Structures are given as C-alpha cells and as structure tokens.
Amino acid sequence: MSKKKIMLVCSAGMSTSLLVTKMEKAAEEKGMDAEIFAVSASEADSHIDNDELDVILLGPQIRFMKAQFEKKLDGTNIPFDVINMADYGMMNGENVLNAAIKLMGE
C-alpha cells in the first residue's frame, strides 16, 4: 500500500490534533504509511487544490458544511465523509482510521 494522505477538517484545526496523533499511532500499529494532518475549514481549500489527498474527513462540529465540500470535491476522486460523532468524542483513532481506509477502498 502506498503512502496515504488523510486530511481531517474541523472548525479551528485544534481539537482534531489529538485525534491525528491517535490515528498516526493506529496507522503505525497496522504498518500503514500515512500522512495524517488536521486543518481548519478555512485552510481546507488550499490543500484540496495543492495536495494529492487520498481522503478527507470532516469533524462532526462542521457536518453542516458537508454540502459545501461535496461541491468543492466534485470532479475530484477524493472521497470524504463526516467522522462518527462517538468515535470523535472518544478520540478513537483506530475506528476513524478504519473509516478512512474503507472510504479509500483499501
């Protein structure tokens, strides 16, 4: 499996940083080569335009932006979804990583 680039998007990019750390640990345990990072919703566009992303996960606190992201990602092959609220609340990096892997069709 080639290196995967996973972007998490939340309102400020702060609360999600702990989840990134937990996802990185889960990826390491799986032997998965992944670059996982968090950005604020306002920073997401530049990453969508300039990075080769494999998947985008939206924090539950910005689920209301899902339709906007559908428009932004139209014409790209980047899968995305909203992070499960329970997994986000529990900071369950393994479950969120598994959801990302499933979205990528791996």
Protein backbone atom coordinates (compact mmCIF):
# COMPACT_ATOMS: atom_id res chain seq x y z
CA MET A 1 0.00 0.00 0.00
CA SER A 2 1.47 3.36 -0.98
CA LYS A 3 1.64 6.29 1.42
CA LYS A 4 -1.82 7.66 2.11
CA LYS A 5 -2.58 11.32 2.74
CA ILE A 6 -5.51 11.83 5.12
CA MET A 7 -6.80 15.31 5.89
CA LEU A 8 -9.09 16.00 8.84
CA VAL A 9 -11.06 19.24 8.75
CA CYS A 10 -12.56 20.91 11.81
CA SER A 11 -13.64 24.39 12.76
CA ALA A 12 -10.25 25.56 14.05
CA GLY A 13 -7.92 22.61 13.48
CA MET A 14 -7.19 22.34 17.21
CA SER A 15 -9.42 19.67 18.76
CA THR A 16 -8.65 17.34 15.90
CA SER A 17 -4.90 17.36 16.51
CA LEU A 18 -5.26 14.83 19.35
CA LEU A 19 -7.26 12.58 17.03
CA VAL A 20 -4.48 12.89 14.42
CA THR A 21 -1.96 11.63 16.99
CA LYS A 22 -4.17 8.65 17.84
CA MET A 23 -4.74 7.88 14.15
CA GLU A 24 -0.99 8.01 13.49
CA LYS A 25 -0.43 5.51 16.30
CA ALA A 26 -3.13 3.21 14.85
CA ALA A 27 -1.57 3.50 11.37
CA GLU A 28 1.85 2.64 12.78
CA GLU A 29 0.40 -0.44 14.51
CA LYS A 30 -1.11 -1.53 11.17
CA GLY A 31 2.19 -0.95 9.37
CA MET A 32 0.45 1.66 7.24
CA ASP A 33 2.44 4.51 5.71
CA ALA A 34 0.20 7.53 6.22
CA GLU A 35 0.45 11.28 6.45
CA ILE A 36 -2.42 12.43 8.65
CA PHE A 37 -2.99 16.09 9.39
CA ALA A 38 -5.68 18.48 10.58
CA VAL A 39 -6.63 21.86 9.17
CA SER A 40 -9.32 24.42 9.82
CA ALA A 41 -12.24 24.61 7.41
CA SER A 42 -10.84 27.89 6.04
CA GLU A 43 -7.50 26.22 5.19
CA ALA A 44 -9.04 23.17 3.52
CA ASP A 45 -9.39 24.70 0.02
CA SER A 46 -5.68 25.26 -0.48
CA HIS A 47 -4.95 21.65 0.49
CA ILE A 48 -7.69 20.35 -1.82
CA ASP A 49 -6.19 22.38 -4.68
CA ASN A 50 -2.50 21.73 -3.98
CA ASP A 51 -2.11 18.38 -2.24
CA GLU A 52 -2.70 14.90 -3.54
CA LEU A 53 -5.18 13.83 -0.88
CA ASP A 54 -6.46 10.28 -0.58
CA VAL A 55 -9.36 11.04 1.77
CA ILE A 56 -10.92 13.94 3.70
CA LEU A 57 -12.74 13.53 7.00
CA LEU A 58 -14.88 16.34 8.42
CA GLY A 59 -15.16 16.82 12.16
CA PRO A 60 -18.71 16.36 13.49
CA GLN A 61 -18.81 20.02 14.54
CA ILE A 62 -18.72 21.08 10.86
CA ARG A 63 -21.07 18.42 9.45
CA PHE A 64 -23.25 21.33 8.29
CA MET A 65 -20.53 22.04 5.69
CA LYS A 66 -20.87 18.62 4.03
CA ALA A 67 -22.78 20.02 1.03
CA GLN A 68 -20.12 22.69 0.51
CA PHE A 69 -17.42 20.02 0.46
CA GLU A 70 -19.45 17.93 -1.99
CA LYS A 71 -19.36 20.91 -4.39
CA LYS A 72 -15.65 21.59 -3.75
CA LEU A 73 -14.76 17.96 -4.39
CA ASP A 74 -16.99 17.49 -7.43
CA GLY A 75 -14.77 16.40 -10.29
CA THR A 76 -12.06 15.08 -7.98
CA ASN A 77 -11.63 11.48 -6.93
CA ILE A 78 -11.22 12.41 -3.27
CA PRO A 79 -13.65 10.50 -1.03
CA PHE A 80 -14.87 12.24 2.11
CA ASP A 81 -17.29 11.81 4.98
CA VAL A 82 -18.11 13.15 8.43
CA ILE A 83 -16.29 11.49 11.33
CA ASN A 84 -18.58 9.38 13.51
CA MET A 85 -19.50 11.55 16.50
CA ALA A 86 -18.96 8.79 19.08
CA ASP A 87 -15.52 7.94 17.65
CA TYR A 88 -14.62 11.63 17.61
CA GLY A 89 -15.83 12.16 21.17
CA MET A 90 -13.87 9.14 22.41
CA MET A 91 -10.86 10.12 20.24
CA ASN A 92 -10.91 6.59 18.82
CA GLY A 93 -8.11 6.92 16.29
CA GLU A 94 -8.31 3.29 15.22
CA ASN A 95 -12.01 3.47 14.28
CA VAL A 96 -11.58 6.78 12.47
CA LEU A 97 -8.56 5.40 10.58
CA ASN A 98 -10.56 2.28 9.65
CA ALA A 99 -13.34 4.54 8.32
CA ALA A 100 -10.77 6.43 6.22
CA ILE A 101 -9.33 3.17 4.87
CA LYS A 102 -12.83 1.98 3.95
CA LEU A 103 -13.55 5.27 2.12
CA MET A 104 -10.32 4.85 0.14
CA GLY A 105 -11.44 1.36 -0.88
CA GLU A 106 -8.33 -0.24 0.60
